[in-house]
N, C-alpha and C. Protein backbone atom coordinates (compact mmCIF):
# COMPACT_ATOMS: atom_id res chain seq x y z
N MET A 1 -10.06 24.83 -1.26
CA MET A 1 -9.48 25.07 -2.56
C MET A 1 -8.14 24.34 -2.70
N ARG A 2 -7.30 24.48 -1.70
CA ARG A 2 -5.99 23.83 -1.73
C ARG A 2 -6.14 22.31 -1.82
N TYR A 3 -7.16 21.78 -1.10
CA TYR A 3 -7.43 20.34 -1.11
C TYR A 3 -7.75 19.85 -2.52
N TRP A 4 -8.65 20.57 -3.22
CA TRP A 4 -9.04 20.15 -4.57
C TRP A 4 -7.89 20.28 -5.55
N LEU A 5 -7.10 21.30 -5.40
CA LEU A 5 -5.94 21.47 -6.26
C LEU A 5 -4.96 20.31 -6.08
N ALA A 6 -4.76 19.89 -4.83
CA ALA A 6 -3.88 18.76 -4.55
C ALA A 6 -4.41 17.49 -5.19
N ILE A 7 -5.72 17.29 -5.14
CA ILE A 7 -6.31 16.09 -5.75
C ILE A 7 -6.12 16.10 -7.26
N ILE A 8 -6.39 17.24 -7.90
CA ILE A 8 -6.24 17.33 -9.35
C ILE A 8 -4.80 17.09 -9.77
N VAL A 9 -3.86 17.72 -9.10
CA VAL A 9 -2.43 17.53 -9.41
C VAL A 9 -2.04 16.07 -9.19
N SER A 10 -2.54 15.46 -8.13
CA SER A 10 -2.22 14.07 -7.82
C SER A 10 -2.69 13.14 -8.92
N PHE A 11 -3.91 13.36 -9.40
CA PHE A 11 -4.43 12.48 -10.44
C PHE A 11 -3.66 12.65 -11.74
N ILE A 12 -3.32 13.88 -12.09
CA ILE A 12 -2.54 14.11 -13.30
C ILE A 12 -1.18 13.43 -13.19
N ALA A 13 -0.52 13.56 -12.06
CA ALA A 13 0.78 12.93 -11.86
C ALA A 13 0.66 11.41 -11.91
N GLY A 14 -0.40 10.89 -11.35
CA GLY A 14 -0.59 9.44 -11.32
C GLY A 14 -0.76 8.85 -12.70
N TRP A 15 -1.50 9.53 -13.55
CA TRP A 15 -1.72 8.99 -14.89
C TRP A 15 -0.46 9.06 -15.74
N ALA A 16 0.53 9.80 -15.28
CA ALA A 16 1.79 9.88 -16.01
C ALA A 16 2.59 8.59 -15.90
N GLN A 17 2.20 7.70 -15.02
CA GLN A 17 2.91 6.43 -14.89
C GLN A 17 2.44 5.52 -16.03
N ALA A 18 3.08 5.65 -17.15
CA ALA A 18 2.63 5.03 -18.39
C ALA A 18 2.43 3.54 -18.30
N GLY A 19 1.28 3.11 -18.80
CA GLY A 19 1.01 1.69 -18.97
C GLY A 19 0.67 0.93 -17.72
N GLU A 20 0.85 1.49 -16.56
CA GLU A 20 0.58 0.77 -15.33
C GLU A 20 -0.74 1.23 -14.74
N ALA A 21 -1.63 0.28 -14.50
CA ALA A 21 -2.94 0.66 -14.00
C ALA A 21 -3.26 0.00 -12.67
N SER A 22 -2.31 -0.71 -12.10
CA SER A 22 -2.63 -1.44 -10.88
C SER A 22 -1.52 -1.38 -9.85
N LEU A 23 -1.94 -1.53 -8.62
CA LEU A 23 -1.03 -1.73 -7.50
C LEU A 23 -1.10 -3.20 -7.12
N ALA A 24 0.01 -3.74 -6.68
CA ALA A 24 0.04 -5.10 -6.16
C ALA A 24 0.26 -5.01 -4.66
N VAL A 25 -0.65 -5.61 -3.90
CA VAL A 25 -0.48 -5.69 -2.45
C VAL A 25 0.27 -6.99 -2.20
N VAL A 26 1.42 -6.89 -1.53
CA VAL A 26 2.34 -8.03 -1.44
C VAL A 26 2.66 -8.43 -0.01
N VAL A 27 2.92 -9.73 0.14
CA VAL A 27 3.39 -10.33 1.39
C VAL A 27 4.54 -11.25 1.03
N ALA A 28 5.19 -11.82 2.03
CA ALA A 28 6.29 -12.76 1.78
C ALA A 28 5.76 -14.01 1.07
N GLN A 29 6.61 -14.65 0.29
CA GLN A 29 6.22 -15.89 -0.40
C GLN A 29 5.73 -16.94 0.59
N SER A 30 6.26 -16.93 1.79
CA SER A 30 5.89 -17.95 2.79
C SER A 30 4.54 -17.68 3.45
N PHE A 31 3.91 -16.55 3.16
CA PHE A 31 2.61 -16.22 3.77
C PHE A 31 1.58 -17.27 3.40
N ASP A 32 0.95 -17.86 4.40
CA ASP A 32 -0.05 -18.89 4.12
C ASP A 32 -1.38 -18.60 4.80
N GLY A 33 -1.55 -17.37 5.25
CA GLY A 33 -2.79 -16.97 5.91
C GLY A 33 -3.84 -16.53 4.92
N LYS A 34 -4.97 -16.13 5.47
CA LYS A 34 -6.06 -15.60 4.67
C LYS A 34 -5.75 -14.15 4.33
N PRO A 35 -5.81 -13.77 3.05
CA PRO A 35 -5.56 -12.37 2.70
C PRO A 35 -6.60 -11.46 3.36
N PRO A 36 -6.20 -10.26 3.74
CA PRO A 36 -7.15 -9.34 4.36
C PRO A 36 -8.17 -8.83 3.35
N THR A 37 -9.33 -8.45 3.83
CA THR A 37 -10.30 -7.76 2.99
C THR A 37 -9.83 -6.31 2.84
N ILE A 38 -10.49 -5.56 1.98
CA ILE A 38 -10.12 -4.15 1.83
C ILE A 38 -10.34 -3.40 3.14
N ARG A 39 -11.38 -3.76 3.89
CA ARG A 39 -11.64 -3.13 5.19
C ARG A 39 -10.51 -3.48 6.17
N GLU A 40 -10.11 -4.75 6.19
CA GLU A 40 -9.02 -5.16 7.08
C GLU A 40 -7.70 -4.50 6.68
N LEU A 41 -7.49 -4.34 5.38
CA LEU A 41 -6.27 -3.68 4.92
C LEU A 41 -6.22 -2.24 5.43
N ALA A 42 -7.36 -1.56 5.40
CA ALA A 42 -7.42 -0.21 5.95
C ALA A 42 -7.11 -0.23 7.44
N LEU A 43 -7.65 -1.20 8.16
CA LEU A 43 -7.37 -1.32 9.60
C LEU A 43 -5.89 -1.58 9.85
N ILE A 44 -5.27 -2.40 9.01
CA ILE A 44 -3.84 -2.69 9.13
C ILE A 44 -3.04 -1.40 8.97
N TYR A 45 -3.36 -0.62 7.93
CA TYR A 45 -2.61 0.60 7.66
C TYR A 45 -2.95 1.75 8.60
N LYS A 46 -4.05 1.63 9.33
CA LYS A 46 -4.37 2.61 10.38
C LYS A 46 -3.87 2.12 11.73
N ARG A 47 -3.22 0.96 11.72
CA ARG A 47 -2.65 0.32 12.91
C ARG A 47 -3.72 -0.02 13.96
N LYS A 48 -4.89 -0.39 13.46
CA LYS A 48 -5.97 -0.84 14.33
C LYS A 48 -6.10 -2.36 14.30
N MET A 49 -5.46 -3.00 13.34
CA MET A 49 -5.35 -4.46 13.27
C MET A 49 -3.85 -4.74 13.29
N LEU A 50 -3.37 -5.34 14.38
CA LEU A 50 -1.93 -5.47 14.58
C LEU A 50 -1.38 -6.87 14.38
N TYR A 51 -2.26 -7.87 14.33
CA TYR A 51 -1.81 -9.27 14.25
C TYR A 51 -2.57 -10.03 13.17
N TRP A 52 -1.84 -10.93 12.49
CA TRP A 52 -2.47 -11.86 11.55
C TRP A 52 -3.24 -12.90 12.36
N GLU A 53 -4.07 -13.67 11.67
CA GLU A 53 -4.86 -14.72 12.32
C GLU A 53 -4.01 -15.71 13.11
N ASN A 54 -2.79 -15.96 12.62
CA ASN A 54 -1.91 -16.94 13.27
C ASN A 54 -1.16 -16.35 14.47
N GLY A 55 -1.41 -15.10 14.80
CA GLY A 55 -0.77 -14.47 15.95
C GLY A 55 0.49 -13.69 15.64
N ASN A 56 1.00 -13.78 14.40
CA ASN A 56 2.19 -13.02 14.02
C ASN A 56 1.85 -11.53 13.93
N ARG A 57 2.78 -10.71 14.37
CA ARG A 57 2.60 -9.25 14.28
C ARG A 57 2.60 -8.83 12.81
N ILE A 58 1.79 -7.85 12.48
CA ILE A 58 1.73 -7.31 11.11
C ILE A 58 2.65 -6.10 11.04
N TYR A 59 3.48 -6.05 10.00
CA TYR A 59 4.38 -4.93 9.76
C TYR A 59 4.05 -4.28 8.42
N PRO A 60 3.11 -3.32 8.40
CA PRO A 60 2.79 -2.66 7.14
C PRO A 60 3.88 -1.65 6.77
N VAL A 61 4.12 -1.52 5.48
CA VAL A 61 5.09 -0.53 5.00
C VAL A 61 4.45 0.35 3.93
N ASN A 62 4.81 1.61 3.96
CA ASN A 62 4.35 2.59 2.98
C ASN A 62 5.51 3.03 2.12
N LEU A 63 5.18 3.52 0.94
CA LEU A 63 6.16 4.25 0.15
C LEU A 63 6.20 5.68 0.67
N SER A 64 7.12 6.48 0.18
CA SER A 64 7.29 7.85 0.69
C SER A 64 6.07 8.72 0.35
N LEU A 65 5.93 9.81 1.10
CA LEU A 65 4.79 10.72 0.93
C LEU A 65 4.66 11.26 -0.49
N ASP A 66 5.78 11.43 -1.19
CA ASP A 66 5.71 11.99 -2.54
C ASP A 66 5.49 10.94 -3.62
N SER A 67 5.32 9.69 -3.24
CA SER A 67 5.10 8.62 -4.22
C SER A 67 3.67 8.64 -4.75
N ALA A 68 3.53 8.62 -6.07
CA ALA A 68 2.19 8.55 -6.68
C ALA A 68 1.51 7.24 -6.31
N TRP A 69 2.30 6.17 -6.13
CA TRP A 69 1.72 4.88 -5.74
C TRP A 69 1.15 4.95 -4.32
N ARG A 70 1.83 5.67 -3.44
CA ARG A 70 1.28 5.82 -2.08
C ARG A 70 -0.02 6.62 -2.13
N ARG A 71 -0.04 7.65 -2.94
CA ARG A 71 -1.25 8.44 -3.08
C ARG A 71 -2.40 7.57 -3.57
N ASP A 72 -2.15 6.77 -4.60
CA ASP A 72 -3.19 5.88 -5.13
C ASP A 72 -3.66 4.88 -4.08
N PHE A 73 -2.72 4.29 -3.36
CA PHE A 73 -3.06 3.33 -2.31
C PHE A 73 -3.89 4.01 -1.22
N SER A 74 -3.45 5.18 -0.78
CA SER A 74 -4.16 5.89 0.29
C SER A 74 -5.57 6.27 -0.13
N LEU A 75 -5.73 6.75 -1.35
CA LEU A 75 -7.07 7.11 -1.82
C LEU A 75 -7.96 5.87 -1.95
N SER A 76 -7.41 4.78 -2.46
CA SER A 76 -8.20 3.56 -2.66
C SER A 76 -8.55 2.86 -1.36
N VAL A 77 -7.59 2.74 -0.47
CA VAL A 77 -7.78 1.93 0.75
C VAL A 77 -8.18 2.78 1.95
N LEU A 78 -7.49 3.89 2.15
CA LEU A 78 -7.73 4.71 3.34
C LEU A 78 -8.70 5.86 3.09
N LYS A 79 -9.03 6.08 1.83
CA LYS A 79 -10.00 7.11 1.43
C LYS A 79 -9.56 8.52 1.80
N SER A 80 -8.26 8.75 1.79
CA SER A 80 -7.74 10.10 2.03
C SER A 80 -6.34 10.21 1.44
N LEU A 81 -5.92 11.43 1.21
CA LEU A 81 -4.56 11.67 0.72
C LEU A 81 -3.56 11.48 1.85
N PRO A 82 -2.33 11.07 1.53
CA PRO A 82 -1.33 10.87 2.58
C PRO A 82 -1.12 12.09 3.48
N ASP A 83 -1.10 13.29 2.90
CA ASP A 83 -0.90 14.50 3.71
C ASP A 83 -2.03 14.70 4.72
N ALA A 84 -3.23 14.27 4.37
CA ALA A 84 -4.39 14.45 5.25
C ALA A 84 -4.34 13.51 6.45
N GLN A 85 -3.44 12.54 6.44
CA GLN A 85 -3.35 11.56 7.52
C GLN A 85 -2.40 12.00 8.64
N THR A 86 -1.74 13.12 8.46
CA THR A 86 -0.76 13.60 9.44
C THR A 86 -1.38 13.79 10.82
N GLN A 87 -2.53 14.45 10.89
CA GLN A 87 -3.17 14.70 12.18
C GLN A 87 -3.56 13.39 12.86
N TYR A 88 -4.03 12.43 12.06
CA TYR A 88 -4.39 11.11 12.60
C TYR A 88 -3.19 10.50 13.32
N TRP A 89 -2.02 10.52 12.65
CA TRP A 89 -0.82 9.92 13.25
C TRP A 89 -0.29 10.73 14.41
N ASN A 90 -0.42 12.04 14.36
CA ASN A 90 -0.01 12.87 15.50
C ASN A 90 -0.82 12.50 16.74
N ASN A 91 -2.12 12.29 16.57
CA ASN A 91 -2.97 11.91 17.71
C ASN A 91 -2.60 10.53 18.25
N LEU A 92 -2.35 9.56 17.38
CA LEU A 92 -2.02 8.21 17.83
C LEU A 92 -0.64 8.12 18.45
N TYR A 93 0.26 8.97 18.01
CA TYR A 93 1.63 8.96 18.53
C TYR A 93 1.62 9.11 20.05
N TYR A 94 0.73 9.94 20.57
CA TYR A 94 0.66 10.17 22.02
C TYR A 94 0.06 8.99 22.76
N HIS A 95 -0.47 8.02 22.03
CA HIS A 95 -0.98 6.78 22.63
C HIS A 95 0.00 5.63 22.41
N GLY A 96 1.19 5.96 21.92
CA GLY A 96 2.22 4.95 21.74
C GLY A 96 2.09 4.14 20.46
N ILE A 97 1.31 4.62 19.50
CA ILE A 97 1.13 3.90 18.24
C ILE A 97 1.83 4.66 17.13
N SER A 98 2.78 4.00 16.49
CA SER A 98 3.55 4.61 15.41
C SER A 98 2.93 4.27 14.06
N PRO A 99 3.11 5.14 13.06
CA PRO A 99 2.61 4.84 11.72
C PRO A 99 3.41 3.72 11.08
N PRO A 100 2.91 3.17 9.96
CA PRO A 100 3.68 2.15 9.25
C PRO A 100 5.06 2.70 8.85
N TYR A 101 6.02 1.80 8.73
CA TYR A 101 7.35 2.19 8.26
C TYR A 101 7.21 2.81 6.87
N VAL A 102 8.08 3.75 6.57
CA VAL A 102 8.11 4.37 5.24
C VAL A 102 9.42 3.97 4.58
N LEU A 103 9.31 3.40 3.39
CA LEU A 103 10.49 2.99 2.63
C LEU A 103 10.56 3.84 1.37
N LEU A 104 11.76 4.09 0.89
CA LEU A 104 11.97 5.07 -0.16
C LEU A 104 11.83 4.56 -1.58
N SER A 105 11.72 3.25 -1.76
CA SER A 105 11.60 2.73 -3.13
C SER A 105 10.81 1.43 -3.13
N GLU A 106 10.33 1.08 -4.31
CA GLU A 106 9.63 -0.19 -4.45
C GLU A 106 10.57 -1.36 -4.17
N GLU A 107 11.82 -1.23 -4.57
CA GLU A 107 12.81 -2.27 -4.29
C GLU A 107 12.96 -2.47 -2.79
N ALA A 108 12.98 -1.38 -2.03
CA ALA A 108 13.07 -1.49 -0.57
C ALA A 108 11.84 -2.19 0.00
N VAL A 109 10.67 -1.90 -0.55
CA VAL A 109 9.44 -2.58 -0.10
C VAL A 109 9.55 -4.07 -0.38
N LEU A 110 9.97 -4.43 -1.59
CA LEU A 110 10.10 -5.84 -1.95
C LEU A 110 11.08 -6.57 -1.03
N ARG A 111 12.21 -5.95 -0.76
CA ARG A 111 13.20 -6.58 0.14
C ARG A 111 12.66 -6.73 1.55
N PHE A 112 12.07 -5.66 2.08
CA PHE A 112 11.56 -5.70 3.45
C PHE A 112 10.47 -6.76 3.59
N VAL A 113 9.52 -6.74 2.67
CA VAL A 113 8.40 -7.69 2.75
C VAL A 113 8.89 -9.12 2.59
N SER A 114 9.81 -9.35 1.67
CA SER A 114 10.28 -10.73 1.44
C SER A 114 11.11 -11.26 2.61
N GLU A 115 11.73 -10.37 3.39
CA GLU A 115 12.63 -10.79 4.46
C GLU A 115 12.05 -10.62 5.87
N THR A 116 10.86 -10.04 5.99
CA THR A 116 10.30 -9.75 7.31
C THR A 116 9.00 -10.52 7.52
N ARG A 117 9.03 -11.41 8.48
CA ARG A 117 7.84 -12.20 8.79
C ARG A 117 6.70 -11.28 9.22
N GLY A 118 5.55 -11.42 8.58
CA GLY A 118 4.38 -10.62 8.92
C GLY A 118 4.26 -9.31 8.17
N ALA A 119 5.22 -9.00 7.30
CA ALA A 119 5.19 -7.72 6.58
C ALA A 119 4.18 -7.74 5.44
N ILE A 120 3.65 -6.56 5.16
CA ILE A 120 2.74 -6.36 4.03
C ILE A 120 3.06 -5.00 3.43
N GLY A 121 3.00 -4.90 2.12
CA GLY A 121 3.28 -3.65 1.45
C GLY A 121 2.57 -3.59 0.11
N TYR A 122 2.90 -2.59 -0.66
CA TYR A 122 2.32 -2.44 -1.99
C TYR A 122 3.38 -1.86 -2.91
N VAL A 123 3.31 -2.26 -4.16
CA VAL A 123 4.20 -1.77 -5.20
C VAL A 123 3.39 -1.68 -6.49
N SER A 124 3.94 -1.05 -7.50
CA SER A 124 3.26 -1.05 -8.79
C SER A 124 3.21 -2.49 -9.30
N ALA A 125 2.22 -2.77 -10.11
CA ALA A 125 2.05 -4.12 -10.64
C ALA A 125 3.31 -4.60 -11.36
N CYS A 126 3.97 -3.71 -12.06
CA CYS A 126 5.17 -4.09 -12.81
C CYS A 126 6.37 -4.37 -11.92
N ALA A 127 6.38 -3.84 -10.72
CA ALA A 127 7.52 -4.05 -9.81
C ALA A 127 7.44 -5.39 -9.07
N ALA A 128 6.24 -5.93 -8.91
CA ALA A 128 6.08 -7.20 -8.18
C ALA A 128 6.87 -8.30 -8.87
N ASP A 129 7.60 -9.09 -8.08
CA ASP A 129 8.40 -10.17 -8.65
C ASP A 129 8.26 -11.43 -7.80
N ASN A 130 9.08 -12.44 -8.09
CA ASN A 130 8.93 -13.74 -7.42
C ASN A 130 9.45 -13.77 -5.98
N ARG A 131 9.99 -12.68 -5.47
CA ARG A 131 10.39 -12.64 -4.06
C ARG A 131 9.19 -12.50 -3.13
N VAL A 132 8.08 -12.03 -3.68
CA VAL A 132 6.89 -11.78 -2.88
C VAL A 132 5.68 -12.48 -3.49
N LYS A 133 4.63 -12.55 -2.70
CA LYS A 133 3.36 -13.10 -3.17
C LYS A 133 2.36 -11.95 -3.26
N VAL A 134 1.74 -11.81 -4.44
CA VAL A 134 0.70 -10.79 -4.60
C VAL A 134 -0.59 -11.38 -4.05
N ILE A 135 -1.16 -10.74 -3.02
CA ILE A 135 -2.40 -11.28 -2.46
C ILE A 135 -3.63 -10.65 -3.10
N PHE A 136 -3.47 -9.46 -3.66
CA PHE A 136 -4.50 -8.90 -4.52
C PHE A 136 -4.00 -7.67 -5.23
N TRP A 137 -4.79 -7.25 -6.20
CA TRP A 137 -4.47 -6.12 -7.06
C TRP A 137 -5.49 -5.02 -6.80
N ILE A 138 -5.07 -3.78 -6.91
CA ILE A 138 -5.98 -2.65 -6.79
C ILE A 138 -5.83 -1.82 -8.06
N ASP A 139 -6.93 -1.64 -8.80
CA ASP A 139 -6.84 -0.86 -10.04
C ASP A 139 -7.00 0.63 -9.74
N ARG A 140 -6.85 1.45 -10.77
CA ARG A 140 -6.89 2.91 -10.61
C ARG A 140 -8.21 3.41 -10.03
N SER A 141 -9.29 2.65 -10.24
CA SER A 141 -10.59 3.08 -9.70
C SER A 141 -10.78 2.61 -8.27
N GLY A 142 -9.79 1.90 -7.71
CA GLY A 142 -9.87 1.46 -6.32
C GLY A 142 -10.50 0.10 -6.14
N VAL A 143 -10.76 -0.60 -7.24
CA VAL A 143 -11.37 -1.93 -7.16
C VAL A 143 -10.29 -2.97 -6.86
N MET A 144 -10.56 -3.80 -5.85
CA MET A 144 -9.62 -4.84 -5.43
C MET A 144 -10.02 -6.16 -6.07
N SER A 145 -9.02 -6.93 -6.53
CA SER A 145 -9.29 -8.21 -7.16
C SER A 145 -8.15 -9.19 -6.86
N SER A 146 -8.52 -10.46 -6.76
CA SER A 146 -7.49 -11.49 -6.59
C SER A 146 -7.00 -12.00 -7.94
N VAL A 147 -7.65 -11.56 -9.01
CA VAL A 147 -7.28 -11.96 -10.37
C VAL A 147 -6.31 -10.94 -10.95
N LYS A 148 -5.19 -11.44 -11.46
CA LYS A 148 -4.17 -10.56 -12.03
C LYS A 148 -4.75 -9.83 -13.24
N PRO A 149 -4.69 -8.50 -13.25
CA PRO A 149 -5.24 -7.75 -14.38
C PRO A 149 -4.28 -7.73 -15.57
N GLU A 150 -4.81 -7.31 -16.69
CA GLU A 150 -3.99 -7.10 -17.88
C GLU A 150 -3.27 -5.77 -17.72
N PHE A 151 -1.98 -5.75 -17.94
CA PHE A 151 -1.23 -4.50 -17.92
C PHE A 151 0.05 -4.70 -18.70
N THR A 152 0.62 -3.60 -19.15
CA THR A 152 1.90 -3.65 -19.85
C THR A 152 2.92 -2.87 -19.04
N CYS A 153 4.11 -3.39 -19.02
CA CYS A 153 5.19 -2.75 -18.27
C CYS A 153 6.21 -2.17 -19.24
N PRO A 154 6.73 -0.99 -18.93
CA PRO A 154 7.76 -0.42 -19.79
C PRO A 154 9.00 -1.32 -19.78
N SER A 155 9.65 -1.39 -20.92
CA SER A 155 10.84 -2.25 -21.03
C SER A 155 12.04 -1.64 -20.37
């Protein structure tokens, strides 16, 4: 019951983000590798894929647990709510594997990704700017595309 209530509240809160229907998965402008598939992205965020094809370490970053964008990303890519992933990370911690870094704002994600070799993150479509390269978009239904979707950003 608590699980379903959390899902309903999450979806209502998510739709409150007026006019924005997509997440942008971002890397540094200098990234010249092959973008990950949705399956590989899940492996990256579960820390089961640790290196890019060129041998550089991957540094995934998350937004905070209370972020609606993190919830959307987790449901679309990891197929679970962020709170439900706690036990997964508790188990891996004892094997020396830490979860992705957590940053408190989209601006922090943009700065970290643009300045850290091998970093990958996600922000709302409207937050993505020229400091980063969008490697794909994820819409509200969880569909991933390399084509920039139509969306309007609040002024």
